[in-house]
Protein backbone atom coordinates (compact mmCIF):
# COMPACT_ATOMS: atom_id res chain seq x y z
CA MET A 1 -27.72 -120.38 5.67
CA ALA A 2 -27.69 -121.33 1.97
CA GLN A 3 -25.34 -124.22 2.77
CA LEU A 4 -27.74 -125.44 5.44
CA ILE A 5 -30.49 -125.49 2.83
CA ASP A 6 -28.21 -127.56 0.56
CA TRP A 7 -27.60 -130.10 3.32
CA ALA A 8 -31.27 -130.24 4.23
CA ARG A 9 -32.42 -130.60 0.62
CA ASN A 10 -29.94 -133.42 -0.04
CA GLY A 11 -31.08 -135.17 3.13
CA HIS A 12 -34.70 -134.77 2.11
CA ASP A 13 -34.29 -135.81 -1.53
CA LEU A 14 -31.52 -138.41 -1.39
CA THR A 15 -31.94 -140.33 1.88
CA THR A 16 -34.67 -142.65 3.12
CA ASN A 17 -33.68 -143.17 6.76
CA GLN A 18 -34.46 -139.76 8.24
CA GLY A 19 -37.73 -140.44 10.01
CA MET A 20 -37.94 -137.08 11.76
CA LYS A 21 -37.05 -133.58 10.69
CA PRO A 22 -34.24 -132.11 12.83
CA GLY A 23 -34.37 -128.79 14.62
CA LEU A 24 -32.14 -126.02 13.26
CA ILE A 25 -30.07 -123.69 15.44
CA TYR A 26 -28.21 -121.16 13.31
CA ILE A 27 -25.34 -119.64 15.35
CA ILE A 28 -23.84 -116.24 14.60
CA ASN A 29 -20.51 -116.61 16.38
CA GLN A 30 -17.89 -114.06 17.47
CA ASP A 31 -19.64 -111.13 15.82
CA ASN A 32 -18.39 -107.64 16.72
CA GLN A 33 -20.38 -105.53 14.25
CA ALA A 34 -24.07 -106.02 15.04
CA ASP A 35 -25.92 -104.16 17.78
CA PHE A 36 -25.86 -106.61 20.68
CA SER A 37 -28.77 -104.94 22.45
CA GLN A 38 -31.00 -106.08 19.58
CA TRP A 39 -29.35 -109.26 18.33
CA LYS A 40 -29.18 -110.91 21.74
CA ASP A 41 -32.92 -111.50 21.39
CA THR A 42 -33.45 -114.82 19.61
CA LYS A 43 -36.70 -113.74 17.96
CA PHE A 44 -35.10 -110.58 16.57
CA ALA A 45 -32.03 -112.47 15.28
CA THR A 46 -34.17 -115.15 13.68
CA LYS A 47 -36.41 -112.56 12.01
CA LYS A 48 -33.46 -110.67 10.54
CA ILE A 49 -31.74 -113.75 9.14
CA LEU A 50 -34.96 -115.02 7.59
CA GLU A 51 -35.59 -111.62 6.01
CA LYS A 52 -32.11 -111.70 4.48
CA LEU A 53 -32.69 -115.17 3.06
CA GLN A 54 -36.16 -114.20 1.83
CA ALA A 55 -34.61 -111.51 -0.38
CA SER A 56 -32.01 -113.84 -1.90
CA LYS A 57 -32.04 -115.49 -5.32
CA ARG A 58 -31.54 -118.81 -3.59
CA PHE A 59 -34.92 -118.60 -1.90
CA ALA A 60 -36.58 -117.87 -5.24
CA GLN A 61 -35.00 -121.01 -6.70
CA GLU A 62 -36.09 -123.23 -3.81
CA ARG A 63 -39.58 -121.69 -3.81
CA ASP A 64 -39.98 -122.54 -7.49
CA THR A 65 -38.77 -126.10 -6.85
CA TRP A 66 -41.40 -126.73 -4.19
CA ASN A 67 -44.14 -124.99 -6.14
CA ASN A 68 -43.38 -127.32 -9.06
CA ARG A 69 -43.80 -130.22 -6.66
CA GLY A 70 -47.29 -129.01 -5.84
CA PHE A 71 -46.51 -127.35 -2.49
CA GLN A 72 -47.19 -123.66 -2.11
CA VAL A 73 -44.20 -121.89 -0.54
CA SER A 74 -44.48 -118.14 -0.13
CA SER A 75 -42.07 -117.42 2.74
CA VAL A 76 -38.61 -118.56 3.74
CA LEU A 77 -40.01 -119.96 6.99
CA GLN A 78 -42.36 -122.20 5.02
CA LEU A 79 -39.38 -123.32 2.96
CA LEU A 80 -37.24 -124.17 6.00
CA GLU A 81 -40.13 -126.01 7.61
CA LYS A 82 -40.01 -128.43 4.68
CA TYR A 83 -36.59 -129.48 5.94
CA TYR A 84 -36.50 -128.58 9.65
CA ASP A 85 -38.93 -128.97 12.51
CA SER A 86 -38.04 -125.55 13.92
CA VAL A 87 -35.63 -122.69 13.22
CA GLN A 88 -33.81 -120.54 15.77
CA VAL A 89 -30.95 -118.05 15.41
CA VAL A 90 -28.65 -117.51 18.39
CA PHE A 91 -26.23 -114.59 18.43
CA LEU A 92 -22.87 -114.97 20.23
CA PRO A 93 -20.91 -111.71 20.39
CA GLU A 94 -17.15 -111.41 20.43
CA PHE A 95 -15.86 -110.19 23.79
CA LEU A 96 -13.15 -107.55 23.37
CA PRO A 97 -11.65 -106.65 26.77
CA ARG A 98 -10.09 -103.40 25.52
CA ARG A 99 -13.22 -102.15 23.72
CA PRO A 100 -16.06 -104.32 24.97
CA LEU A 101 -19.30 -104.31 22.99
CA CYS A 102 -21.05 -105.97 25.90
CA GLU A 103 -20.39 -107.19 29.42
CA ALA A 104 -18.78 -110.57 30.12
CA HIS A 105 -21.88 -111.79 31.94
CA GLU A 106 -23.95 -111.00 28.83
CA VAL A 107 -21.71 -113.25 26.74
CA GLN A 108 -22.20 -115.97 29.33
CA SER A 109 -25.96 -115.48 29.16
CA GLN A 110 -25.91 -116.01 25.39
CA TYR A 111 -23.98 -119.26 25.76
CA GLU A 112 -26.44 -120.40 28.40
CA LEU A 113 -29.25 -119.54 25.97
CA LEU A 114 -27.54 -121.61 23.25
CA TYR A 115 -27.03 -124.62 25.52
CA GLY A 116 -30.64 -124.37 26.66
CA GLU A 117 -31.88 -124.40 23.05
CA ILE A 118 -29.69 -127.40 22.23
CA ASP A 119 -31.00 -129.29 25.24
CA ARG A 120 -34.61 -128.40 24.43
CA LEU A 121 -34.35 -129.46 20.78
CA SER A 122 -32.52 -132.67 21.70
CA GLN A 123 -35.20 -133.64 24.19
CA ALA A 124 -38.02 -132.70 21.82
CA GLY A 125 -36.44 -134.72 19.02
CA ALA A 126 -35.96 -137.74 21.28
CA ASP A 127 -39.59 -137.50 22.40
CA ARG A 128 -40.82 -137.43 18.80
CA ARG A 129 -38.65 -140.40 17.82
CA ARG A 130 -39.78 -142.35 20.87
CA ASP A 131 -43.45 -141.65 20.14
CA ALA A 132 -42.94 -142.76 16.55
CA GLY A 133 -41.04 -145.88 17.58
CA LEU A 134 -37.78 -144.65 16.04
CA LEU A 135 -35.70 -144.17 19.18
CA MET A 136 -33.54 -147.28 19.49
CA ASP A 137 -31.27 -147.86 22.49
CA LEU A 138 -28.23 -150.17 22.39
CA ASP A 139 -30.13 -153.00 24.07
CA ARG A 140 -32.87 -152.95 21.45
CA LEU A 141 -30.38 -152.55 18.60
CA SER A 142 -28.34 -155.55 19.76
CA ARG A 143 -31.45 -157.72 20.03
CA HIS A 144 -32.65 -156.72 16.58
CA SER A 145 -29.18 -157.40 15.18
CA VAL A 146 -29.15 -160.89 16.70
CA ASP A 147 -32.58 -161.59 15.21
CA VAL A 148 -31.43 -160.47 11.76
CA LEU A 149 -28.20 -162.50 11.95
CA ARG A 150 -30.08 -165.60 13.12
CA LYS A 151 -32.51 -165.28 10.23
CA LEU A 152 -29.77 -164.80 7.66
CA ALA A 153 -27.71 -167.64 9.17
CA GLU A 154 -30.60 -170.00 8.44
CA ASP A 155 -30.88 -168.78 4.87
CA PHE A 156 -28.81 -165.85 3.66
CA HIS A 157 -31.12 -165.45 0.67
CA SER A 158 -34.15 -164.95 2.91
CA ALA A 159 -35.80 -161.62 3.67
CA VAL A 160 -35.89 -160.08 7.14
CA ASP A 161 -39.38 -159.54 8.56
CA LEU A 162 -39.35 -155.79 9.11
CA TYR A 163 -42.89 -155.93 10.49
CA SER A 164 -41.69 -157.99 13.44
CA MET A 165 -38.83 -155.58 14.05
CA LEU A 166 -41.31 -152.71 14.27
CA GLU A 167 -43.51 -154.46 16.82
CA THR A 168 -43.45 -153.31 20.43
CA PHE A 169 -40.14 -154.25 21.97
CA GLN A 170 -40.38 -156.84 24.73
CA GLN A 171 -37.81 -157.21 27.48
CA TYR A 172 -36.41 -160.63 28.26
CA PRO A 173 -38.74 -162.45 30.71
CA SER A 174 -37.66 -162.17 34.34
CA ASN A 175 -40.68 -163.50 36.29
CA PHE A 176 -43.49 -166.02 35.89
CA LYS A 177 -45.89 -163.57 34.24
CA SER A 178 -43.39 -162.35 31.67
CA HIS A 179 -42.30 -165.92 30.93
CA VAL A 180 -45.90 -166.92 30.19
CA LEU A 181 -46.51 -163.84 28.03
CA ASN A 182 -43.26 -164.43 26.17
CA PHE A 183 -44.27 -168.05 25.51
CA LEU A 184 -47.73 -167.00 24.30
CA ALA A 185 -46.22 -164.45 21.92
CA TRP A 186 -43.78 -167.04 20.56
CA PHE A 187 -46.54 -169.66 20.27
CA THR A 188 -48.95 -167.41 18.39
CA ASP A 189 -46.26 -166.10 16.02
CA GLY A 190 -45.23 -169.63 15.15
CA GLU A 191 -48.77 -170.91 14.77
CA ARG A 192 -50.53 -168.25 12.73
CA GLY A 193 -47.67 -167.63 10.29
CA GLY A 194 -48.82 -164.06 9.81
CA HIS A 195 -50.25 -161.08 11.64
CA THR A 196 -54.00 -161.55 11.33
CA GLN A 197 -56.21 -163.18 13.97
CA GLU A 198 -59.67 -164.66 13.90
CA PRO A 199 -62.24 -163.47 16.48
CA GLY A 200 -61.76 -165.34 19.77
CA TYR A 201 -58.25 -166.45 18.77
CA GLU A 202 -56.64 -165.32 22.05
CA SER A 203 -59.15 -167.26 24.17
CA SER A 204 -58.58 -170.44 22.19
CA VAL A 205 -54.81 -170.10 22.61
CA ILE A 206 -55.15 -169.73 26.39
CA GLU A 207 -57.37 -172.80 26.60
CA ARG A 208 -54.95 -174.90 24.57
CA VAL A 209 -51.80 -173.97 26.50
CA THR A 210 -53.26 -173.88 30.01
CA ALA A 211 -52.62 -177.57 30.63
CA PHE A 212 -49.08 -177.27 29.33
CA VAL A 213 -48.29 -174.25 31.51
CA ALA A 214 -49.85 -175.96 34.55
CA THR A 215 -47.65 -179.02 33.98
CA CYS A 216 -44.55 -176.84 33.80
CA VAL A 217 -45.52 -175.02 37.00
CA ALA A 218 -46.17 -178.31 38.82
CA GLY A 219 -42.85 -179.72 37.65
CA GLU A 220 -40.99 -176.57 38.76
CA VAL A 221 -42.65 -176.65 42.20
CA SER A 222 -41.72 -180.32 42.57
CA ARG A 223 -38.14 -179.66 41.53
CA ASN A 224 -37.77 -176.82 44.02
CA ARG A 225 -39.14 -178.96 46.84
CA GLN A 226 -36.69 -181.72 46.08
CA GLY A 227 -33.88 -179.25 45.99
């Protein structure tokens, strides 16, 4: 557990790209000493491990560090919550066929519990990253990469507009409505040169481009008829 605190503290203090705190699952694996009837309960196992860490010199050191930073930390759970979104301890016993400490189906149940916790934390983490706009799929990543490369190809000394990269991701247009919206977004970005708008700006843009869009539609209809 102390090593996990080291990793978490280094991630917190030395990196800038961790937008969300991860969930922690501490696994006690292949144990054949503890009382399985008690330790199979996740709440009991978590409570015991936290109590052990609470009594350690390491906790006292970390507590003092955070108190010096102006954050009151009085329990090991408060300390871990500085680094992790949640903390769970899962106990996996060792199955000894000749002197079993538990039944085989009980070992299976613990593994199912572990996999369920992993799935739950993974989904919860993905939901938080999606809500915060930090969950990037390959499609979005490739489009952002192309935008950055295009910008740097024009001038490799230029800065990338991170604001634009954080805006709501738009799919490539696939119908008339999305084509028009894509054009309007491109037009307004190129015209205003920034991200502020005067009152009534959207209406004035629509009025100015309506004739242009109508001409394009008429030309497309004519072309299709001729074809």
